[in-house]
Amino acid sequence: MTLDDDRGRYATKRDRLARLARLVSILQAHPEGMRTADIATRVGMSVRTVYRDLIALQDELRLPVWGDEGVWGIDDERAFLPPLKLTQGEAMAVVLAAR
Protein backbone atom coordinates (compact mmCIF):
# COMPACT_ATOMS: atom_id res chain seq x y z
CA MET A 1 0.00 0.00 0.00
CA THR A 2 1.41 3.39 -0.96
CA LEU A 3 1.03 6.74 0.71
CA ASP A 4 -1.46 7.82 -1.97
CA ASP A 5 -3.63 4.76 -1.20
CA ASP A 6 -3.70 5.75 2.48
CA ARG A 7 -4.70 9.31 1.64
CA GLY A 8 -7.51 8.10 -0.58
CA ARG A 9 -8.82 5.72 2.07
CA TYR A 10 -8.81 8.40 4.76
CA ALA A 11 -10.39 10.94 2.43
CA THR A 12 -13.22 8.49 1.80
CA LYS A 13 -13.73 8.02 5.54
CA ARG A 14 -13.76 11.80 6.05
CA ASP A 15 -16.29 12.17 3.25
CA ARG A 16 -18.55 9.55 4.84
CA LEU A 17 -18.20 11.16 8.25
CA ALA A 18 -19.07 14.55 6.76
CA ARG A 19 -22.14 13.02 5.05
CA LEU A 20 -23.30 11.41 8.29
CA ALA A 21 -22.79 14.63 10.26
CA ARG A 22 -24.70 16.60 7.64
CA LEU A 23 -27.51 14.04 7.68
CA VAL A 24 -27.79 14.32 11.47
CA SER A 25 -27.94 18.12 11.29
CA ILE A 26 -30.67 17.98 8.63
CA LEU A 27 -32.72 15.53 10.68
CA GLN A 28 -32.28 17.68 13.80
CA ALA A 29 -33.49 20.73 11.88
CA HIS A 30 -36.66 18.85 10.85
CA PRO A 31 -38.11 17.20 13.97
CA GLU A 32 -41.20 16.20 11.99
CA GLY A 33 -38.95 14.13 9.70
CA MET A 34 -38.14 14.27 6.00
CA ARG A 35 -38.62 12.02 3.01
CA THR A 36 -35.48 10.33 1.71
CA ALA A 37 -35.90 11.90 -1.73
CA ASP A 38 -35.96 15.38 -0.16
CA ILE A 39 -32.85 14.61 1.89
CA ALA A 40 -31.07 13.28 -1.21
CA THR A 41 -31.94 16.41 -3.19
CA ARG A 42 -30.81 18.69 -0.39
CA VAL A 43 -27.38 17.06 0.03
CA GLY A 44 -26.79 15.99 -3.57
CA MET A 45 -26.72 12.24 -2.91
CA SER A 46 -28.64 9.33 -4.30
CA VAL A 47 -31.66 8.03 -2.40
CA ARG A 48 -29.83 4.73 -2.01
CA THR A 49 -26.92 6.46 -0.26
CA VAL A 50 -29.34 8.28 2.05
CA TYR A 51 -30.92 4.95 3.04
CA ARG A 52 -27.47 3.45 3.60
CA ASP A 53 -26.43 6.41 5.76
CA LEU A 54 -29.67 6.30 7.78
CA ILE A 55 -29.03 2.64 8.54
CA ALA A 56 -25.42 3.48 9.48
CA LEU A 57 -26.63 6.16 11.90
CA GLN A 58 -28.96 3.64 13.47
CA ASP A 59 -26.78 0.52 13.52
CA GLU A 60 -23.21 1.80 13.74
CA LEU A 61 -23.62 5.03 15.71
CA ARG A 62 -26.65 3.82 17.70
CA LEU A 63 -28.61 7.04 17.16
CA PRO A 64 -32.39 6.76 17.65
CA VAL A 65 -33.41 7.14 14.00
CA TRP A 66 -37.06 6.51 13.20
CA GLY A 67 -38.84 5.88 9.94
CA ASP A 68 -42.56 6.00 9.24
CA GLU A 69 -44.09 5.60 5.78
CA GLY A 70 -41.03 6.94 3.98
CA VAL A 71 -40.44 9.83 6.39
CA TRP A 72 -37.29 9.60 8.49
CA GLY A 73 -36.23 11.53 11.56
CA ILE A 74 -34.12 11.42 14.68
CA ASP A 75 -35.41 11.41 18.25
CA ASP A 76 -33.40 14.42 19.39
CA GLU A 77 -34.38 14.07 23.05
CA ARG A 78 -32.85 10.60 23.26
CA ALA A 79 -29.97 11.18 20.83
CA PHE A 80 -28.03 13.95 22.48
CA LEU A 81 -27.52 15.34 25.95
CA PRO A 82 -28.78 18.86 26.57
CA PRO A 83 -26.07 21.53 26.72
CA LEU A 84 -24.55 22.11 30.13
CA LYS A 85 -24.62 25.58 31.59
CA LEU A 86 -21.64 25.66 33.90
CA THR A 87 -19.91 28.53 35.57
CA GLN A 88 -16.23 28.96 34.84
CA GLY A 89 -15.32 27.40 38.18
CA GLU A 90 -17.60 24.40 37.56
CA ALA A 91 -16.16 23.90 34.08
CA MET A 92 -12.61 23.98 35.44
CA ALA A 93 -13.56 21.44 38.11
CA VAL A 94 -14.90 19.09 35.42
CA VAL A 95 -11.74 19.48 33.31
CA LEU A 96 -9.46 18.89 36.27
CA ALA A 97 -11.51 15.89 37.45
CA ALA A 98 -11.26 14.34 33.99
CA ARG A 99 -7.47 14.47 34.12
PDB file of N, CA and C in Angstrom:
ATOM      1  N   MET A   1       0.839  -1.173   0.000  1.00  0.00           N
ATOM      2  CA  MET A   1       0.000   0.000   0.000  1.00  0.00           C
ATOM      3  C   MET A   1       0.888   1.242   0.000  1.00  0.00           C
ATOM      4  N   THR A   2       0.603   2.169  -0.853  1.00  0.00           N
ATOM      5  CA  THR A   2       1.407   3.385  -0.956  1.00  0.00           C
ATOM      6  C   THR A   2       0.779   4.492  -0.134  1.00  0.00           C
ATOM      7  N   LEU A   3       1.512   5.577  -0.022  1.00  0.00           N
ATOM      8  CA  LEU A   3       1.034   6.738   0.707  1.00  0.00           C
ATOM      9  C   LEU A   3      -0.223   7.303   0.062  1.00  0.00           C
ATOM     10  N   ASP A   4      -0.277   7.307  -1.273  1.00  0.00           N
ATOM     11  CA  ASP A   4      -1.458   7.816  -1.972  1.00  0.00           C
ATOM     12  C   ASP A   4      -2.687   6.964  -1.675  1.00  0.00           C
ATOM     13  N   ASP A   5      -2.514   5.639  -1.544  1.00  0.00           N
ATOM     14  CA  ASP A   5      -3.634   4.763  -1.200  1.00  0.00           C
ATOM     15  C   ASP A   5      -4.184   5.108   0.183  1.00  0.00           C
ATOM     16  N   ASP A   6      -3.275   5.376   1.127  1.00  0.00           N
ATOM     17  CA  ASP A   6      -3.700   5.753   2.480  1.00  0.00           C
ATOM     18  C   ASP A   6      -4.485   7.054   2.463  1.00  0.00           C
ATOM     19  N   ARG A   7      -4.008   8.019   1.710  1.00  0.00           N
ATOM     20  CA  ARG A   7      -4.705   9.308   1.638  1.00  0.00           C
ATOM     21  C   ARG A   7      -6.097   9.136   1.048  1.00  0.00           C
ATOM     22  N   GLY A   8      -6.209   8.335   0.035  1.00  0.00           N
ATOM     23  CA  GLY A   8      -7.513   8.097  -0.580  1.00  0.00           C
ATOM     24  C   GLY A   8      -8.475   7.407   0.371  1.00  0.00           C
ATOM     25  N   ARG A   9      -7.979   6.441   1.115  1.00  0.00           N
ATOM     26  CA  ARG A   9      -8.819   5.720   2.070  1.00  0.00           C
ATOM     27  C   ARG A   9      -9.304   6.650   3.169  1.00  0.00           C
ATOM     28  N   TYR A  10      -8.416   7.489   3.694  1.00  0.00           N
ATOM     29  CA  TYR A  10      -8.813   8.405   4.762  1.00  0.00           C
ATOM     30  C   TYR A  10      -9.714   9.511   4.235  1.00  0.00           C
ATOM     31  N   ALA A  11      -9.503   9.934   3.019  1.00  0.00           N
ATOM     32  CA  ALA A  11     -10.390  10.943   2.429  1.00  0.00           C
ATOM     33  C   ALA A  11     -11.792  10.386   2.294  1.00  0.00           C
ATOM     34  N   THR A  12     -11.910   9.125   1.916  1.00  0.00           N
ATOM     35  CA  THR A  12     -13.216   8.491   1.802  1.00  0.00           C
ATOM     36  C   THR A  12     -13.903   8.421   3.161  1.00  0.00           C
ATOM     37  N   LYS A  13     -13.155   8.078   4.200  1.00  0.00           N
ATOM     38  CA  LYS A  13     -13.727   8.019   5.544  1.00  0.00           C
ATOM     39  C   LYS A  13     -14.166   9.398   6.006  1.00  0.00           C
ATOM     40  N   ARG A  14     -13.376  10.441   5.691  1.00  0.00           N
ATOM     41  CA  ARG A  14     -13.763  11.805   6.054  1.00  0.00           C
ATOM     42  C   ARG A  14     -15.020  12.208   5.314  1.00  0.00           C
ATOM     43  N   ASP A  15     -15.111  11.840   4.024  1.00  0.00           N
ATOM     44  CA  ASP A  15     -16.292  12.174   3.246  1.00  0.00           C
ATOM     45  C   ASP A  15     -17.535  11.526   3.842  1.00  0.00           C
ATOM     46  N   ARG A  16     -17.419  10.265   4.252  1.00  0.00           N
ATOM     47  CA  ARG A  16     -18.550   9.554   4.840  1.00  0.00           C
ATOM     48  C   ARG A  16     -18.932  10.199   6.165  1.00  0.00           C
ATOM     49  N   LEU A  17     -17.935  10.520   6.977  1.00  0.00           N
ATOM     50  CA  LEU A  17     -18.200  11.159   8.254  1.00  0.00           C
ATOM     51  C   LEU A  17     -18.890  12.508   8.044  1.00  0.00           C
ATOM     52  N   ALA A  18     -18.439  13.265   7.061  1.00  0.00           N
ATOM     53  CA  ALA A  18     -19.067  14.552   6.760  1.00  0.00           C
ATOM     54  C   ALA A  18     -20.516  14.349   6.309  1.00  0.00           C
ATOM     55  N   ARG A  19     -20.763  13.327   5.488  1.00  0.00           N
ATOM     56  CA  ARG A  19     -22.136  13.024   5.049  1.00  0.00           C
ATOM     57  C   ARG A  19     -23.020  12.676   6.231  1.00  0.00           C
ATOM     58  N   LEU A  20     -22.516  11.823   7.132  1.00  0.00           N
ATOM     59  CA  LEU A  20     -23.304  11.413   8.288  1.00  0.00           C
ATOM     60  C   LEU A  20     -23.595  12.605   9.200  1.00  0.00           C
ATOM     61  N   ALA A  21     -22.593  13.449   9.415  1.00  0.00           N
ATOM     62  CA  ALA A  21     -22.789  14.634  10.255  1.00  0.00           C
ATOM     63  C   ALA A  21     -23.814  15.575   9.633  1.00  0.00           C
ATOM     64  N   ARG A  22     -23.743  15.735   8.326  1.00  0.00           N
ATOM     65  CA  ARG A  22     -24.705  16.603   7.642  1.00  0.00           C
ATOM     66  C   ARG A  22     -26.111  16.012   7.714  1.00  0.00           C
ATOM     67  N   LEU A  23     -26.221  14.707   7.580  1.00  0.00           N
ATOM     68  CA  LEU A  23     -27.514  14.038   7.676  1.00  0.00           C
ATOM     69  C   LEU A  23     -28.115  14.232   9.065  1.00  0.00           C
ATOM     70  N   VAL A  24     -27.305  14.106  10.112  1.00  0.00           N
ATOM     71  CA  VAL A  24     -27.788  14.322  11.474  1.00  0.00           C
ATOM     72  C   VAL A  24     -28.276  15.757  11.641  1.00  0.00           C
ATOM     73  N   SER A  25     -27.531  16.717  11.138  1.00  0.00           N
ATOM     74  CA  SER A  25     -27.941  18.121  11.294  1.00  0.00           C
ATOM     75  C   SER A  25     -29.239  18.414  10.539  1.00  0.00           C
ATOM     76  N   ILE A  26     -29.417  17.796   9.379  1.00  0.00           N
ATOM     77  CA  ILE A  26     -30.665  17.982   8.632  1.00  0.00           C
ATOM     78  C   ILE A  26     -31.836  17.374   9.402  1.00  0.00           C
ATOM     79  N   LEU A  27     -31.641  16.178   9.929  1.00  0.00           N
ATOM     80  CA  LEU A  27     -32.716  15.532  10.682  1.00  0.00           C
ATOM     81  C   LEU A  27     -33.036  16.298  11.966  1.00  0.00           C
ATOM     82  N   GLN A  28     -32.030  16.871  12.608  1.00  0.00           N
ATOM     83  CA  GLN A  28     -32.276  17.679  13.801  1.00  0.00           C
ATOM     84  C   GLN A  28     -33.057  18.951  13.462  1.00  0.00           C
ATOM     85  N   ALA A  29     -32.810  19.508  12.297  1.00  0.00           N
ATOM     86  CA  ALA A  29     -33.490  20.733  11.885  1.00  0.00           C
ATOM     87  C   ALA A  29     -34.946  20.474  11.488  1.00  0.00           C
ATOM     88  N   HIS A  30     -35.298  19.214  11.255  1.00  0.00           N
ATOM     89  CA  HIS A  30     -36.659  18.853  10.852  1.00  0.00           C
ATOM     90  C   HIS A  30     -37.202  17.789  11.795  1.00  0.00           C
ATOM     91  N   PRO A  31     -37.642  18.186  12.985  1.00  0.00           N
ATOM     92  CA  PRO A  31     -38.109  17.201  13.967  1.00  0.00           C
ATOM     93  C   PRO A  31     -39.322  16.397  13.502  1.00  0.00           C
ATOM     94  N   GLU A  32     -40.043  16.928  12.531  1.00  0.00           N
ATOM     95  CA  GLU A  32     -41.196  16.199  11.989  1.00  0.00           C
ATOM     96  C   GLU A  32     -40.775  15.122  10.999  1.00  0.00           C
ATOM     97  N   GLY A  33     -39.501  15.111  10.630  1.00  0.00           N
ATOM     98  CA  GLY A  33     -38.955  14.134   9.702  1.00  0.00           C
ATOM     99  C   GLY A  33     -38.930  14.646   8.276  1.00  0.00           C
ATOM    100  N   MET A  34     -38.244  13.909   7.420  1.00  0.00           N
ATOM    101  CA  MET A  34     -38.143  14.271   6.001  1.00  0.00           C
ATOM    102  C   MET A  34     -38.186  13.003   5.159  1.00  0.00           C
ATOM    103  N   ARG A  35     -38.640  13.142   3.952  1.00  0.00           N
ATOM    104  CA  ARG A  35     -38.615  12.022   3.006  1.00  0.00           C
ATOM    105  C   ARG A  35     -37.192  11.848   2.479  1.00  0.00           C
ATOM    106  N   THR A  36     -36.847  10.606   2.172  1.00  0.00           N
ATOM    107  CA  THR A  36     -35.480  10.333   1.711  1.00  0.00           C
ATOM    108  C   THR A  36     -35.161  11.064   0.411  1.00  0.00           C
ATOM    109  N   ALA A  37     -36.136  11.187  -0.472  1.00  0.00           N
ATOM    110  CA  ALA A  37     -35.895  11.901  -1.733  1.00  0.00           C
ATOM    111  C   ALA A  37     -35.569  13.371  -1.477  1.00  0.00           C
ATOM    112  N   ASP A  38     -36.234  13.982  -0.492  1.00  0.00           N
ATOM    113  CA  ASP A  38     -35.960  15.380  -0.155  1.00  0.00           C
ATOM    114  C   ASP A  38     -34.568  15.533   0.460  1.00  0.00           C
ATOM    115  N   ILE A  39     -34.185  14.576   1.297  1.00  0.00           N
ATOM    116  CA  ILE A  39     -32.847  14.606   1.889  1.00  0.00           C
ATOM    117  C   ILE A  39     -31.797  14.466   0.789  1.00  0.00           C
ATOM    118  N   ALA A  40     -32.021  13.524  -0.118  1.00  0.00           N
ATOM    119  CA  ALA A  40     -31.072  13.278  -1.210  1.00  0.00           C
ATOM    120  C   ALA A  40     -30.901  14.519  -2.079  1.00  0.00           C
ATOM    121  N   THR A  41     -32.001  15.181  -2.385  1.00  0.00           N
ATOM    122  CA  THR A  41     -31.939  16.406  -3.189  1.00  0.00           C
ATOM    123  C   THR A  41     -31.169  17.490  -2.458  1.00  0.00           C
ATOM    124  N   ARG A  42     -31.443  17.639  -1.174  1.00  0.00           N
ATOM    125  CA  ARG A  42     -30.810  18.691  -0.388  1.00  0.00           C
ATOM    126  C   ARG A  42     -29.296  18.525  -0.296  1.00  0.00           C
ATOM    127  N   VAL A  43     -28.819  17.275  -0.152  1.00  0.00           N
ATOM    128  CA  VAL A  43     -27.376  17.060   0.028  1.00  0.00           C
ATOM    129  C   VAL A  43     -26.670  16.600  -1.234  1.00  0.00           C
ATOM    130  N   GLY A  44     -27.412  16.385  -2.307  1.00  0.00           N
ATOM    131  CA  GLY A  44     -26.790  15.986  -3.569  1.00  0.00           C
ATOM    132  C   GLY A  44     -26.310  14.550  -3.583  1.00  0.00           C
ATOM    133  N   MET A  45     -27.068  13.663  -2.938  1.00  0.00           N
ATOM    134  CA  MET A  45     -26.725  12.243  -2.905  1.00  0.00           C
ATOM    135  C   MET A  45     -27.848  11.458  -3.574  1.00  0.00           C
ATOM    136  N   SER A  46     -27.577  10.191  -3.793  1.00  0.00           N
ATOM    137  CA  SER A  46     -28.637   9.335  -4.303  1.00  0.00           C
ATOM    138  C   SER A  46     -29.519   8.898  -3.130  1.00  0.00           C
ATOM    139  N   VAL A  47     -30.739   8.514  -3.430  1.00  0.00           N
ATOM    140  CA  VAL A  47     -31.657   8.026  -2.400  1.00  0.00           C
ATOM    141  C   VAL A  47     -31.077   6.774  -1.748  1.00  0.00           C
ATOM    142  N   ARG A  48     -30.436   5.946  -2.539  1.00  0.00           N
ATOM    143  CA  ARG A  48     -29.834   4.727  -2.009  1.00  0.00           C
ATOM    144  C   ARG A  48     -28.765   5.052  -0.959  1.00  0.00           C
ATOM    145  N   THR A  49     -27.944   6.060  -1.218  1.00  0.00           N
ATOM    146  CA  THR A  49     -26.917   6.464  -0.261  1.00  0.00           C
ATOM    147  C   THR A  49     -27.550   7.016   1.016  1.00  0.00           C
ATOM    148  N   VAL A  50     -28.646   7.757   0.868  1.00  0.00           N
ATOM    149  CA  VAL A  50     -29.342   8.279   2.045  1.00  0.00           C
ATOM    150  C   VAL A  50     -29.832   7.125   2.908  1.00  0.00           C
ATOM    151  N   TYR A  51     -30.463   6.117   2.281  1.00  0.00           N
ATOM    152  CA  TYR A  51     -30.917   4.951   3.039  1.00  0.00           C
ATOM    153  C   TYR A  51     -29.745   4.266   3.745  1.00  0.00           C
ATOM    154  N   ARG A  52     -28.652   4.103   3.034  1.00  0.00           N
ATOM    155  CA  ARG A  52     -27.471   3.455   3.605  1.00  0.00           C
ATOM    156  C   ARG A  52     -26.945   4.249   4.795  1.00  0.00           C
ATOM    157  N   ASP A  53     -26.917   5.571   4.664  1.00  0.00           N
ATOM    158  CA  ASP A  53     -26.429   6.410   5.758  1.00  0.00           C
ATOM    159  C   ASP A  53     -27.397   6.422   6.936  1.00  0.00           C
ATOM    160  N   LEU A  54     -28.692   6.373   6.687  1.00  0.00           N
ATOM    161  CA  LEU A  54     -29.669   6.301   7.776  1.00  0.00           C
ATOM    162  C   LEU A  54     -29.495   5.011   8.578  1.00  0.00           C
ATOM    163  N   ILE A  55     -29.266   3.923   7.870  1.00  0.00           N
ATOM    164  CA  ILE A  55     -29.032   2.641   8.537  1.00  0.00           C
ATOM    165  C   ILE A  55     -27.719   2.695   9.324  1.00  0.00           C
ATOM    166  N   ALA A  56     -26.701   3.348   8.773  1.00  0.00           N
ATOM    167  CA  ALA A  56     -25.419   3.477   9.479  1.00  0.00           C
ATOM    168  C   ALA A  56     -25.591   4.299  10.756  1.00  0.00           C
ATOM    169  N   LEU A  57     -26.376   5.364  10.696  1.00  0.00           N
ATOM    170  CA  LEU A  57     -26.628   6.158  11.901  1.00  0.00           C
ATOM    171  C   LEU A  57     -27.291   5.301  12.976  1.00  0.00           C
ATOM    172  N   GLN A  58     -28.205   4.476  12.545  1.00  0.00           N
ATOM    173  CA  GLN A  58     -28.965   3.645  13.468  1.00  0.00           C
ATOM    174  C   GLN A  58     -28.128   2.475  14.006  1.00  0.00           C
ATOM    175  N   ASP A  59     -27.475   1.751  13.130  1.00  0.00           N
ATOM    176  CA  ASP A  59     -26.779   0.524  13.523  1.00  0.00           C
ATOM    177  C   ASP A  59     -25.360   0.759  14.038  1.00  0.00           C
ATOM    178  N   GLU A  60     -24.608   1.603  13.369  1.00  0.00           N
ATOM    179  CA  GLU A  60     -23.206   1.803  13.736  1.00  0.00           C
ATOM    180  C   GLU A  60     -23.036   2.845  14.841  1.00  0.00           C
ATOM    181  N   LEU A  61     -23.769   3.954  14.731  1.00  0.00           N
ATOM    182  CA  LEU A  61     -23.622   5.032  15.710  1.00  0.00           C
ATOM    183  C   LEU A  61     -24.658   4.963  16.821  1.00  0.00           C
ATOM    184  N   ARG A  62     -25.621   4.051  16.677  1.00  0.00           N
ATOM    185  CA  ARG A  62     -26.653   3.824  17.696  1.00  0.00           C
ATOM    186  C   ARG A  62     -27.480   5.068  18.001  1.00  0.00           C
ATOM    187  N   LEU A  63     -27.739   5.886  16.985  1.00  0.00           N
ATOM    188  CA  LEU A  63     -28.613   7.036  17.160  1.00  0.00           C
ATOM    189  C   LEU A  63     -30.058   6.583  16.980  1.00  0.00           C
ATOM    190  N   PRO A  64     -30.982   7.168  17.746  1.00  0.00           N
ATOM    191  CA  PRO A  64     -32.386   6.756  17.646  1.00  0.00           C
ATOM    192  C   PRO A  64     -33.079   7.332  16.404  1.00  0.00           C
ATOM    193  N   VAL A  65     -32.810   6.725  15.270  1.00  0.00           N
ATOM    194  CA  VAL A  65     -33.411   7.139  14.001  1.00  0.00           C
ATOM    195  C   VAL A  65     -34.750   6.420  13.860  1.00  0.00           C
ATOM    196  N   TRP A  66     -35.768   7.136  13.406  1.00  0.00           N
ATOM    197  CA  TRP A  66     -37.063   6.514  13.196  1.00  0.00           C
ATOM    198  C   TRP A  66     -37.504   6.707  11.750  1.00  0.00           C
ATOM    199  N   GLY A  67     -38.301   5.805  11.280  1.00  0.00           N
ATOM    200  CA  GLY A  67     -38.843   5.877   9.937  1.00  0.00           C
ATOM    201  C   GLY A  67     -40.311   5.489   9.962  1.00  0.00           C
ATOM    202  N   ASP A  68     -41.136   6.270   9.278  1.00  0.00           N
ATOM    203  CA  ASP A  68     -42.562   6.004   9.245  1.00  0.00           C
ATOM    204  C   ASP A  68     -43.110   6.393   7.885  1.00  0.00           C
ATOM    205  N   GLU A  69     -43.500   5.393   7.104  1.00  0.00           N
ATOM    206  CA  GLU A  69     -44.090   5.603   5.776  1.00  0.00           C
ATOM    207  C   GLU A  69     -43.228   6.497   4.880  1.00  0.00           C
ATOM    208  N   GLY A  70     -41.939   6.218   4.856  1.00  0.00           N
ATOM    209  CA  GLY A  70     -41.031   6.944   3.977  1.00  0.00           C
ATOM    210  C   GLY A  70     -40.497   8.241   4.532  1.00  0.00           C
ATOM    211  N   VAL A  71     -40.933   8.618   5.726  1.00  0.00           N
ATOM    212  CA  VAL A  71     -40.441   9.827   6.386  1.00  0.00           C
ATOM    213  C   VAL A  71     -39.497   9.382   7.497  1.00  0.00           C
ATOM    214  N   TRP A  72     -38.320   9.978   7.523  1.00  0.00           N
ATOM    215  CA  TRP A  72     -37.294   9.601   8.489  1.00  0.00           C
ATOM    216  C   TRP A  72     -36.954  10.790   9.377  1.00  0.00           C
ATOM    217  N   GLY A  73     -36.622  10.488  10.622  1.00  0.00           N
ATOM    218  CA  GLY A  73     -36.235  11.535  11.555  1.00  0.00           C
ATOM    219  C   GLY A  73     -35.330  10.975  12.630  1.00  0.00           C
ATOM    220  N   ILE A  74     -34.979  11.831  13.560  1.00  0.00           N
ATOM    221  CA  ILE A  74     -34.125  11.419  14.679  1.00  0.00           C
ATOM    222  C   ILE A  74     -34.787  11.921  15.960  1.00  0.00           C
ATOM    223  N   ASP A  75     -34.840  11.053  16.954  1.00  0.00           N
ATOM    224  CA  ASP A  75     -35.412  11.415  18.251  1.00  0.00           C
ATOM    225  C   ASP A  75     -34.363  12.220  19.000  1.00  0.00           C
ATOM    226  N   ASP A  76     -34.441  13.527  18.864  1.00  0.00           N
ATOM    227  CA  ASP A  76     -33.403  14.425  19.391  1.00  0.00           C
ATOM    228  C   ASP A  76     -33.302  14.361  20.904  1.00  0.00           C
ATOM    229  N   GLU A  77     -34.415  14.112  21.582  1.00  0.00           N
ATOM    230  CA  GLU A  77     -34.384  14.072  23.046  1.00  0.00           C
ATOM    231  C   GLU A  77     -33.576  12.887  23.559  1.00  0.00           C
ATOM    232  N   ARG A  78     -33.603  11.781  22.830  1.00  0.00           N
ATOM    233  CA  ARG A  78     -32.853  10.595  23.256  1.00  0.00           C
ATOM    234  C   ARG A  78     -31.460  10.538  22.633  1.00  0.00           C
ATOM    235  N   ALA A  79     -31.227  11.295  21.570  1.00  0.00           N
ATOM    236  CA  ALA A  79     -29.972  11.180  20.829  1.00  0.00           C
ATOM    237  C   ALA A  79     -28.818  11.931  21.482  1.00  0.00           C
ATOM    238  N   PHE A  80     -29.108  13.095  22.009  1.00  0.00           N
ATOM    239  CA  PHE A  80     -28.025  13.951  22.485  1.00  0.00           C
ATOM    240  C   PHE A  80     -28.366  14.508  23.853  1.00  0.00           C
ATOM    241  N   LEU A  81     -27.331  14.712  24.647  1.00  0.00           N
ATOM    242  CA  LEU A  81     -27.518  15.335  25.951  1.00  0.00           C
ATOM    243  C   LEU A  81     -27.776  16.822  25.770  1.00  0.00           C
ATOM    244  N   PRO A  82     -28.570  17.411  26.661  1.00  0.00           N
ATOM    245  CA  PRO A  82     -28.776  18.858  26.565  1.00  0.00           C
ATOM    246  C   PRO A  82     -27.477  19.582  26.905  1.00  0.00           C
ATOM    247  N   PRO A  83     -27.308  20.800  26.421  1.00  0.00           N
ATOM    248  CA  PRO A  83     -26.075  21.534  26.723  1.00  0.00           C
ATOM    249  C   PRO A  83     -25.986  21.847  28.222  1.00  0.00           C
ATOM    250  N   LEU A  84     -24.782  21.777  28.733  1.00  0.00           N
ATOM    251  CA  LEU A  84     -24.553  22.107  30.134  1.00  0.00           C
ATOM    252  C   LEU A  84     -24.304  23.594  30.277  1.00  0.00           C
ATOM    253  N   LYS A  85     -24.866  24.165  31.301  1.00  0.00           N
ATOM    254  CA  LYS A  85     -24.620  25.579  31.589  1.00  0.00           C
ATOM    255  C   LYS A  85     -23.833  25.622  32.893  1.00  0.00           C
ATOM    256  N   LEU A  86     -22.529  25.678  32.739  1.00  0.00           N
ATOM    257  CA  LEU A  86     -21.639  25.660  33.896  1.00  0.00           C
ATOM    258  C   LEU A  86     -20.980  27.019  34.067  1.00  0.00           C
ATOM    259  N   THR A  87     -20.712  27.339  35.313  1.00  0.00           N
ATOM    260  CA  THR A  87     -19.907  28.531  35.566  1.00  0.00           C
ATOM    261  C   THR A  87     -18.463  28.195  35.205  1.00  0.00           C
ATOM    262  N   GLN A  88     -17.631  29.202  35.171  1.00  0.00           N
ATOM    263  CA  GLN A  88     -16.231  28.957  34.835  1.00  0.00           C
ATOM    264  C   GLN A  88     -15.580  28.038  35.869  1.00  0.00           C
ATOM    265  N   GLY A  89     -15.883  28.244  37.124  1.00  0.00           N
ATOM    266  CA  GLY A  89     -15.317  27.395  38.180  1.00  0.00           C
ATOM    267  C   GLY A  89     -15.778  25.947  38.064  1.00  0.00           C
ATOM    268  N   GLU A  90     -17.066  25.757  37.748  1.00  0.00           N
ATOM    269  CA  GLU A  90     -17.599  24.400  37.561  1.00  0.00           C
ATOM    270  C   GLU A  90     -16.953  23.714  36.364  1.00  0.00           C
ATOM    271  N   ALA A  91     -16.785  24.465  35.289  1.00  0.00           N
ATOM    272  CA  ALA A  91     -16.162  23.897  34.084  1.00  0.00           C
ATOM    273  C   ALA A  91     -14.724  23.488  34.372  1.00  0.00           C
ATOM    274  N   MET A  92     -13.999  24.319  35.094  1.00  0.00           N
ATOM    275  CA  MET A  92     -12.611  23.978  35.437  1.00  0.00           C
ATOM    276  C   MET A  92     -12.563  22.739  36.329  1.00  0.00           C
ATOM    277  N   ALA A  93     -13.518  22.608  37.241  1.00  0.00           N
ATOM    278  CA  ALA A  93     -13.557  21.437  38.112  1.00  0.00           C
ATOM    279  C   ALA A  93     -13.786  20.169  37.296  1.00  0.00           C
ATOM    280  N   VAL A  94     -14.647  20.239  36.287  1.00  0.00           N
ATOM    281  CA  VAL A  94     -14.899  19.091  35.422  1.00  0.00           C
ATOM    282  C   VAL A  94     -13.635  18.739  34.641  1.00  0.00           C
ATOM    283  N   VAL A  95     -12.961  19.722  34.081  1.00  0.00           N
ATOM    284  CA  VAL A  95     -11.742  19.482  33.314  1.00  0.00           C
ATOM    285  C   VAL A  95     -10.672  18.863  34.205  1.00  0.00           C
ATOM    286  N   LEU A  96     -10.491  19.412  35.375  1.00  0.00           N
ATOM    287  CA  LEU A  96      -9.458  18.888  36.274  1.00  0.00           C
ATOM    288  C   LEU A  96      -9.816  17.489  36.778  1.00  0.00           C
ATOM    289  N   ALA A  97     -11.077  17.228  37.003  1.00  0.00           N
ATOM    290  CA  ALA A  97     -11.506  15.895  37.451  1.00  0.00           C
ATOM    291  C   ALA A  97     -11.299  14.850  36.354  1.00  0.00           C
ATOM    292  N   ALA A  98     -11.432  15.269  35.103  1.00  0.00           N
ATOM    293  CA  ALA A  98     -11.260  14.344  33.986  1.00  0.00           C
ATOM    294  C   ALA A  98      -9.800  13.949  33.787  1.00  0.00           C
ATOM    295  N   ARG A  99      -8.894  14.772  34.253  1.00  0.00           N
ATOM    296  CA  ARG A  99      -7.474  14.472  34.118  1.00  0.00           C
ATOM    297  C   ARG A  99      -7.119  13.400  35.070  1.00  0.00           C
TER     298      ARG A  99
END
